[in-house]
N, C-alpha and C. Protein backbone atom coordinates (compact mmCIF):
# COMPACT_ATOMS: atom_id res chain seq x y z
N MET A 1 -50.13 22.13 136.84
CA MET A 1 -49.85 22.07 135.43
C MET A 1 -48.37 22.37 135.22
N GLN A 2 -47.75 21.61 134.33
CA GLN A 2 -46.33 21.78 134.05
C GLN A 2 -46.14 22.92 133.06
N PRO A 3 -45.08 23.70 133.24
CA PRO A 3 -44.82 24.76 132.26
C PRO A 3 -44.45 24.17 130.91
N THR A 4 -44.90 24.82 129.86
CA THR A 4 -44.62 24.38 128.49
C THR A 4 -43.68 25.38 127.84
N SER A 5 -42.62 24.88 127.27
CA SER A 5 -41.71 25.77 126.57
C SER A 5 -42.35 26.27 125.28
N ARG A 6 -41.85 27.37 124.78
CA ARG A 6 -42.37 27.89 123.52
C ARG A 6 -42.13 26.89 122.39
N PHE A 7 -40.99 26.18 122.44
CA PHE A 7 -40.68 25.17 121.43
C PHE A 7 -41.72 24.06 121.43
N GLU A 8 -42.06 23.55 122.61
CA GLU A 8 -43.05 22.47 122.71
C GLU A 8 -44.41 22.92 122.21
N ALA A 9 -44.74 24.17 122.46
CA ALA A 9 -46.04 24.69 122.03
C ALA A 9 -46.13 24.84 120.52
N THR A 10 -45.00 25.01 119.85
CA THR A 10 -45.05 25.20 118.40
C THR A 10 -44.99 23.88 117.63
N ILE A 11 -44.64 22.80 118.29
CA ILE A 11 -44.53 21.51 117.60
C ILE A 11 -45.83 21.12 116.90
N PRO A 12 -46.98 21.14 117.58
CA PRO A 12 -48.21 20.77 116.87
C PRO A 12 -48.49 21.67 115.67
N THR A 13 -48.23 22.95 115.80
CA THR A 13 -48.44 23.89 114.69
C THR A 13 -47.54 23.53 113.52
N GLN A 14 -46.29 23.23 113.82
CA GLN A 14 -45.35 22.86 112.76
C GLN A 14 -45.76 21.56 112.10
N LEU A 15 -46.22 20.60 112.90
CA LEU A 15 -46.66 19.33 112.32
C LEU A 15 -47.87 19.52 111.42
N HIS A 16 -48.81 20.34 111.86
CA HIS A 16 -50.00 20.60 111.02
C HIS A 16 -49.59 21.27 109.71
N ALA A 17 -48.66 22.20 109.78
CA ALA A 17 -48.18 22.87 108.55
C ALA A 17 -47.49 21.87 107.62
N LEU A 18 -46.69 21.00 108.20
CA LEU A 18 -46.00 19.98 107.39
C LEU A 18 -47.00 19.04 106.74
N ILE A 19 -47.99 18.61 107.50
CA ILE A 19 -49.02 17.71 106.97
C ILE A 19 -49.77 18.39 105.82
N SER A 20 -50.11 19.66 105.99
CA SER A 20 -50.80 20.39 104.92
C SER A 20 -49.95 20.45 103.66
N ASP A 21 -48.67 20.71 103.84
CA ASP A 21 -47.77 20.77 102.69
C ASP A 21 -47.66 19.42 102.01
N LEU A 22 -47.55 18.35 102.78
CA LEU A 22 -47.45 17.01 102.20
C LEU A 22 -48.73 16.62 101.46
N ARG A 23 -49.88 17.00 102.01
CA ARG A 23 -51.15 16.72 101.32
C ARG A 23 -51.21 17.45 99.98
N TRP A 24 -50.76 18.71 99.98
CA TRP A 24 -50.75 19.49 98.74
C TRP A 24 -49.84 18.82 97.71
N ARG A 25 -48.68 18.37 98.14
CA ARG A 25 -47.76 17.69 97.23
C ARG A 25 -48.36 16.38 96.72
N ALA A 26 -49.08 15.67 97.56
CA ALA A 26 -49.74 14.43 97.12
C ALA A 26 -50.80 14.74 96.07
N GLN A 27 -51.50 15.85 96.23
CA GLN A 27 -52.49 16.26 95.23
C GLN A 27 -51.82 16.58 93.89
N LEU A 28 -50.68 17.24 93.97
CA LEU A 28 -49.94 17.53 92.73
C LEU A 28 -49.52 16.23 92.04
N LEU A 29 -49.06 15.27 92.83
CA LEU A 29 -48.67 13.98 92.27
C LEU A 29 -49.86 13.27 91.65
N ASP A 30 -51.03 13.35 92.31
CA ASP A 30 -52.25 12.75 91.74
C ASP A 30 -52.54 13.33 90.36
N ALA A 31 -52.42 14.65 90.25
CA ALA A 31 -52.67 15.30 88.96
C ALA A 31 -51.65 14.83 87.92
N ASP A 32 -50.40 14.71 88.32
CA ASP A 32 -49.37 14.25 87.39
C ASP A 32 -49.61 12.80 86.97
N ILE A 33 -50.06 11.99 87.89
CA ILE A 33 -50.36 10.58 87.59
C ILE A 33 -51.48 10.51 86.55
N LEU A 34 -52.54 11.27 86.80
CA LEU A 34 -53.67 11.27 85.86
C LEU A 34 -53.23 11.75 84.47
N GLU A 35 -52.36 12.74 84.43
CA GLU A 35 -51.88 13.24 83.14
C GLU A 35 -51.07 12.17 82.40
N GLU A 36 -50.21 11.48 83.10
CA GLU A 36 -49.41 10.41 82.47
C GLU A 36 -50.31 9.27 81.99
N GLU A 37 -51.30 8.94 82.78
CA GLU A 37 -52.24 7.88 82.38
C GLU A 37 -53.04 8.32 81.15
N ARG A 38 -53.43 9.59 81.13
CA ARG A 38 -54.18 10.11 79.99
C ARG A 38 -53.33 10.05 78.72
N LYS A 39 -52.07 10.47 78.84
CA LYS A 39 -51.17 10.43 77.68
C LYS A 39 -50.99 9.01 77.15
N ALA A 40 -50.85 8.07 78.05
CA ALA A 40 -50.60 6.68 77.65
C ALA A 40 -51.89 5.96 77.28
N GLY A 41 -53.03 6.48 77.74
CA GLY A 41 -54.31 5.81 77.50
C GLY A 41 -54.45 4.55 78.35
N ILE A 42 -53.67 4.47 79.42
CA ILE A 42 -53.69 3.30 80.31
C ILE A 42 -53.77 3.80 81.74
N SER A 43 -54.81 3.34 82.46
CA SER A 43 -54.97 3.77 83.85
C SER A 43 -54.84 2.61 84.84
N ASP A 44 -54.60 1.43 84.33
CA ASP A 44 -54.46 0.25 85.20
C ASP A 44 -52.98 0.00 85.50
N PRO A 45 -52.56 0.21 86.76
CA PRO A 45 -51.15 0.00 87.11
C PRO A 45 -50.67 -1.44 86.92
N LYS A 46 -51.61 -2.38 86.81
CA LYS A 46 -51.23 -3.79 86.61
C LYS A 46 -50.93 -4.11 85.14
N ASN A 47 -51.31 -3.18 84.27
CA ASN A 47 -51.05 -3.35 82.84
C ASN A 47 -49.55 -3.23 82.60
N LEU A 48 -48.98 -4.16 81.86
CA LEU A 48 -47.54 -4.14 81.60
C LEU A 48 -47.08 -2.89 80.85
N ALA A 49 -47.98 -2.25 80.12
CA ALA A 49 -47.64 -1.05 79.37
C ALA A 49 -47.87 0.23 80.19
N TYR A 50 -48.23 0.09 81.44
CA TYR A 50 -48.46 1.26 82.30
C TYR A 50 -47.18 2.10 82.37
N PRO A 51 -47.29 3.40 82.23
CA PRO A 51 -46.09 4.26 82.18
C PRO A 51 -45.22 4.16 83.44
N ILE A 52 -43.94 4.05 83.24
CA ILE A 52 -43.00 3.96 84.35
C ILE A 52 -43.05 5.23 85.19
N LEU A 53 -43.17 6.38 84.53
CA LEU A 53 -43.25 7.63 85.28
C LEU A 53 -44.46 7.62 86.22
N ALA A 54 -45.59 7.15 85.74
CA ALA A 54 -46.79 7.08 86.58
C ALA A 54 -46.56 6.12 87.75
N GLN A 55 -45.85 5.01 87.52
CA GLN A 55 -45.54 4.08 88.61
C GLN A 55 -44.69 4.77 89.68
N ASN A 56 -43.68 5.51 89.22
CA ASN A 56 -42.81 6.22 90.16
C ASN A 56 -43.57 7.30 90.93
N LEU A 57 -44.43 8.02 90.23
CA LEU A 57 -45.23 9.05 90.88
C LEU A 57 -46.18 8.44 91.91
N ARG A 58 -46.75 7.28 91.57
CA ARG A 58 -47.62 6.58 92.54
C ARG A 58 -46.84 6.19 93.79
N ALA A 59 -45.63 5.70 93.60
CA ALA A 59 -44.81 5.29 94.74
C ALA A 59 -44.50 6.50 95.63
N ARG A 60 -44.17 7.62 95.01
CA ARG A 60 -43.91 8.84 95.78
C ARG A 60 -45.14 9.28 96.55
N ARG A 61 -46.28 9.28 95.86
CA ARG A 61 -47.53 9.67 96.51
C ARG A 61 -47.86 8.75 97.68
N ASP A 62 -47.69 7.45 97.46
CA ASP A 62 -47.96 6.49 98.53
C ASP A 62 -47.04 6.71 99.72
N ASN A 63 -45.78 7.02 99.47
CA ASN A 63 -44.84 7.31 100.56
C ASN A 63 -45.26 8.57 101.32
N LEU A 64 -45.73 9.57 100.60
CA LEU A 64 -46.22 10.78 101.26
C LEU A 64 -47.42 10.48 102.14
N GLN A 65 -48.31 9.63 101.65
CA GLN A 65 -49.49 9.28 102.43
C GLN A 65 -49.12 8.53 103.71
N VAL A 66 -48.11 7.68 103.62
CA VAL A 66 -47.62 6.99 104.82
C VAL A 66 -47.03 8.01 105.80
N SER A 67 -46.26 8.94 105.28
CA SER A 67 -45.66 9.98 106.13
C SER A 67 -46.74 10.82 106.81
N ILE A 68 -47.77 11.16 106.07
CA ILE A 68 -48.88 11.93 106.63
C ILE A 68 -49.54 11.15 107.76
N ALA A 69 -49.79 9.87 107.55
CA ALA A 69 -50.43 9.05 108.58
C ALA A 69 -49.56 8.98 109.84
N ILE A 70 -48.26 8.86 109.67
CA ILE A 70 -47.35 8.80 110.82
C ILE A 70 -47.38 10.13 111.58
N LEU A 71 -47.33 11.23 110.86
CA LEU A 71 -47.36 12.54 111.52
C LEU A 71 -48.68 12.78 112.24
N GLU A 72 -49.78 12.37 111.61
CA GLU A 72 -51.09 12.52 112.26
C GLU A 72 -51.17 11.69 113.53
N SER A 73 -50.59 10.50 113.50
CA SER A 73 -50.62 9.66 114.71
C SER A 73 -49.76 10.28 115.80
N ARG A 74 -48.67 10.96 115.43
CA ARG A 74 -47.85 11.66 116.43
C ARG A 74 -48.63 12.79 117.08
N ILE A 75 -49.38 13.51 116.27
CA ILE A 75 -50.19 14.60 116.82
C ILE A 75 -51.23 14.01 117.77
N GLU A 76 -51.88 12.95 117.35
CA GLU A 76 -52.90 12.32 118.19
C GLU A 76 -52.28 11.82 119.49
N LYS A 77 -51.14 11.15 119.40
CA LYS A 77 -50.48 10.64 120.60
C LYS A 77 -50.07 11.78 121.50
N ARG A 78 -49.55 12.83 120.92
CA ARG A 78 -49.11 13.99 121.69
C ARG A 78 -50.29 14.63 122.42
N SER A 79 -51.42 14.72 121.76
CA SER A 79 -52.58 15.37 122.38
C SER A 79 -53.16 14.52 123.51
N THR A 80 -53.01 13.20 123.45
CA THR A 80 -53.50 12.36 124.54
C THR A 80 -52.48 12.24 125.67
N ASP A 81 -51.18 12.32 125.33
CA ASP A 81 -50.14 12.23 126.35
C ASP A 81 -49.97 13.54 127.10
N TRP A 82 -50.00 14.67 126.37
CA TRP A 82 -49.77 15.98 126.97
C TRP A 82 -50.88 16.93 126.53
N PRO A 83 -52.03 16.88 127.16
CA PRO A 83 -53.13 17.73 126.72
C PRO A 83 -52.80 19.22 126.70
N HIS A 84 -51.89 19.67 127.57
CA HIS A 84 -51.56 21.10 127.59
C HIS A 84 -50.71 21.51 126.39
N ALA A 85 -50.11 20.53 125.68
CA ALA A 85 -49.25 20.86 124.53
C ALA A 85 -49.97 20.74 123.20
N ALA A 86 -51.22 20.33 123.22
CA ALA A 86 -51.95 20.11 121.97
C ALA A 86 -52.46 21.41 121.40
């Protein structure tokens, strides 16, 4: 078995913490989106009168979800490549 540095051992923990934080932020954005839709009385993003703020919040949330998926795939790849570092 190869020795693992303390830095390598903390990477998965740091990634899990980052993912948790990003998920929490995505939940906050979901709540903000719902609030903007409620205020406008429009929940269909395809509607021309859909609030611009809600569109921007959706884009941010979607970007966070992509980031989460990328980080999760890194964790998965890391655990299959280096089982001792998972």
